[in-house]
Amino acid sequence: MTTHETGTLPEQDRPPWQGIHHLALATPDLDATVAFYHGVLGMAVLPADGGGDRGPRHLLVDAGGALLHFWETTEAEIFAAPWERDRFVPGALQHLALRLPSEAALRALRTRLHAVGVEASDVVPIGPALVVLFHDNNGMMLEATYWVGGS
């Protein structure tokens, strides 16, 4: 067995990981994605180079510590995961969970989603978390999570 199969990489050889920098995601309509993530969810949009002869349009969305890097492509296939518990789409991103700092923020987001016509689940306890499920403009399932147990 090799070292990577056993997970016994010596501590001094382990990279000093600091978490997720970004997730690369595809969208067929970058403008609608900006309208959803910035306009509805209130996330900051960071410019990125692209478009025209520089390749496909793309940009970064700051999801509070991790970036979502959206690339525009008309061929984007989004596998909309169902809200059914324990049902998964093989080979697809099942959902993206985004953390909120309080139950009040979670409930305020749910109210905001309903106010702009986005269907969202009730606030549901799942283990040590409270969650609200909803889909973005592309059909990707998002989960807003308040971790009741702290960090």
Protein backbone atom coordinates (compact mmCIF):
# COMPACT_ATOMS: atom_id res chain seq x y z
CA MET A 1 0.00 0.00 0.00
CA THR A 2 1.24 3.50 -0.81
CA THR A 3 1.20 6.38 1.66
CA HIS A 4 -1.71 8.14 -0.07
CA GLU A 5 -3.85 5.01 0.22
CA THR A 6 -3.35 4.74 3.96
CA GLY A 7 -3.60 8.44 4.80
CA THR A 8 -0.37 8.34 6.79
CA LEU A 9 1.39 11.33 5.25
CA PRO A 10 3.74 12.60 7.96
CA GLU A 11 2.58 15.82 9.62
CA GLN A 12 5.62 17.80 8.44
CA ASP A 13 4.84 16.86 4.81
CA ARG A 14 1.18 17.93 4.88
CA PRO A 15 0.31 21.17 3.02
CA PRO A 16 -1.05 23.90 5.31
CA TRP A 17 -4.57 23.92 3.82
CA GLN A 18 -6.73 26.93 4.66
CA GLY A 19 -10.10 25.86 3.31
CA ILE A 20 -11.88 26.25 -0.01
CA HIS A 21 -10.78 29.14 -2.22
CA HIS A 22 -13.46 28.77 -4.89
CA LEU A 23 -15.88 26.42 -6.57
CA ALA A 24 -16.05 26.57 -10.37
CA LEU A 25 -19.65 26.51 -11.57
CA ALA A 26 -21.29 26.88 -14.99
CA THR A 27 -24.26 29.05 -15.84
CA PRO A 28 -26.06 29.56 -19.14
CA ASP A 29 -26.88 33.20 -18.19
CA LEU A 30 -24.26 35.13 -16.23
CA ASP A 31 -26.43 38.25 -15.95
CA ALA A 32 -29.29 36.28 -14.36
CA THR A 33 -26.80 34.60 -12.02
CA VAL A 34 -25.45 38.00 -10.92
CA ALA A 35 -29.03 39.22 -10.40
CA PHE A 36 -29.72 36.21 -8.16
CA TYR A 37 -26.52 36.00 -6.11
CA HIS A 38 -25.99 39.77 -5.79
CA GLY A 39 -29.52 41.11 -6.07
CA VAL A 40 -31.39 38.43 -4.12
CA LEU A 41 -28.76 36.91 -1.82
CA GLY A 42 -26.74 40.11 -1.34
CA MET A 43 -23.35 38.59 -2.13
CA ALA A 44 -20.53 40.78 -3.49
CA VAL A 45 -19.54 40.28 -7.11
CA LEU A 46 -15.85 40.51 -7.96
CA PRO A 47 -14.80 41.19 -11.55
CA ALA A 48 -12.85 38.64 -13.54
CA ASP A 49 -11.25 38.93 -16.95
CA GLY A 50 -13.11 37.23 -19.77
CA GLY A 51 -15.57 37.58 -22.58
CA GLY A 52 -15.17 38.32 -26.24
CA ASP A 53 -11.79 37.21 -27.57
CA ARG A 54 -10.60 36.55 -23.99
CA GLY A 55 -12.76 33.45 -23.61
CA PRO A 56 -16.10 32.93 -21.89
CA ARG A 57 -17.48 35.59 -19.53
CA HIS A 58 -16.91 34.71 -15.90
CA LEU A 59 -16.83 36.33 -12.50
CA LEU A 60 -16.42 35.60 -8.83
CA VAL A 61 -19.12 35.83 -6.16
CA ASP A 62 -18.00 36.19 -2.54
CA ALA A 63 -20.01 33.71 -0.48
CA GLY A 64 -18.49 34.87 2.81
CA GLY A 65 -15.12 33.18 2.88
CA ALA A 66 -15.29 30.98 -0.21
CA LEU A 67 -15.69 32.22 -3.75
CA LEU A 68 -18.11 30.93 -6.37
CA HIS A 69 -16.49 31.22 -9.80
CA PHE A 70 -19.26 31.28 -12.39
CA TRP A 71 -18.43 30.65 -16.04
CA GLU A 72 -21.02 31.45 -18.70
CA THR A 73 -21.61 28.74 -21.26
CA THR A 74 -24.76 28.04 -23.23
CA GLU A 75 -24.01 24.32 -22.90
CA ALA A 76 -24.22 24.40 -19.09
CA GLU A 77 -26.08 21.38 -17.76
CA ILE A 78 -27.35 21.92 -14.24
CA PHE A 79 -28.56 18.85 -12.42
CA ALA A 80 -31.31 20.18 -10.21
CA ALA A 81 -31.19 17.99 -7.14
CA PRO A 82 -34.59 17.16 -5.66
CA TRP A 83 -35.57 18.25 -2.16
CA GLU A 84 -36.16 14.64 -1.22
CA ARG A 85 -33.97 13.49 1.63
CA ASP A 86 -31.51 10.68 0.83
CA ARG A 87 -32.01 11.06 -2.95
CA PHE A 88 -28.91 11.95 -4.92
CA VAL A 89 -27.96 12.62 -8.56
CA PRO A 90 -24.88 10.46 -9.28
CA GLY A 91 -21.84 12.43 -10.41
CA ALA A 92 -23.40 15.85 -9.78
CA LEU A 93 -22.95 18.55 -7.18
CA GLN A 94 -25.81 17.69 -4.83
CA HIS A 95 -26.14 21.12 -3.24
CA LEU A 96 -24.11 24.03 -2.00
CA ALA A 97 -24.49 24.80 1.70
CA LEU A 98 -23.92 28.41 2.73
CA ARG A 99 -23.50 29.32 6.40
CA LEU A 100 -25.38 32.10 8.17
CA PRO A 101 -24.46 33.44 11.63
CA SER A 102 -27.83 33.14 13.35
CA GLU A 103 -31.31 31.69 13.23
CA ALA A 104 -32.64 35.22 12.78
CA ALA A 105 -30.49 35.66 9.63
CA LEU A 106 -31.73 32.29 8.34
CA ARG A 107 -35.37 33.23 8.87
CA ALA A 108 -34.80 36.69 7.34
CA LEU A 109 -33.30 35.07 4.24
CA ARG A 110 -36.30 32.75 3.91
CA THR A 111 -38.63 35.75 4.15
CA ARG A 112 -36.55 37.59 1.52
CA LEU A 113 -36.62 34.59 -0.83
CA HIS A 114 -40.41 34.34 -0.60
CA ALA A 115 -40.76 38.11 -1.12
CA VAL A 116 -38.95 37.89 -4.47
CA GLY A 117 -40.77 34.74 -5.60
CA VAL A 118 -38.12 32.12 -4.83
CA GLU A 119 -39.61 28.93 -3.42
CA ALA A 120 -37.89 27.91 -0.20
CA SER A 121 -38.42 25.12 2.30
CA ASP A 122 -39.50 25.66 5.86
CA VAL A 123 -36.72 26.07 8.42
CA VAL A 124 -35.83 22.44 9.11
CA PRO A 125 -33.62 21.02 11.86
CA ILE A 126 -31.02 18.56 10.54
CA GLY A 127 -28.74 17.33 13.30
CA PRO A 128 -27.03 20.32 14.93
CA ALA A 129 -28.17 22.71 12.17
CA LEU A 130 -31.22 24.59 10.98
CA VAL A 131 -31.51 24.74 7.20
CA VAL A 132 -33.56 26.29 4.43
CA LEU A 133 -33.40 24.71 0.97
CA PHE A 134 -33.99 26.61 -2.27
CA HIS A 135 -32.79 26.62 -5.89
CA ASP A 136 -30.78 29.34 -7.57
CA ASN A 137 -31.67 30.83 -10.96
CA ASN A 138 -29.85 27.92 -12.65
CA GLY A 139 -31.75 25.20 -10.79
CA MET A 140 -28.84 24.32 -8.48
CA MET A 141 -29.97 23.48 -4.96
CA LEU A 142 -28.67 25.78 -2.26
CA GLU A 143 -28.90 25.24 1.48
CA ALA A 144 -28.73 28.14 3.90
CA THR A 145 -27.45 26.75 7.19
CA TYR A 146 -27.28 28.03 10.73
CA TRP A 147 -25.04 25.74 12.77
CA VAL A 148 -26.82 25.70 16.12
CA GLY A 149 -23.89 23.98 17.81
CA GLY A 150 -21.48 26.85 17.06
CA SER A 151 -18.55 27.00 14.65
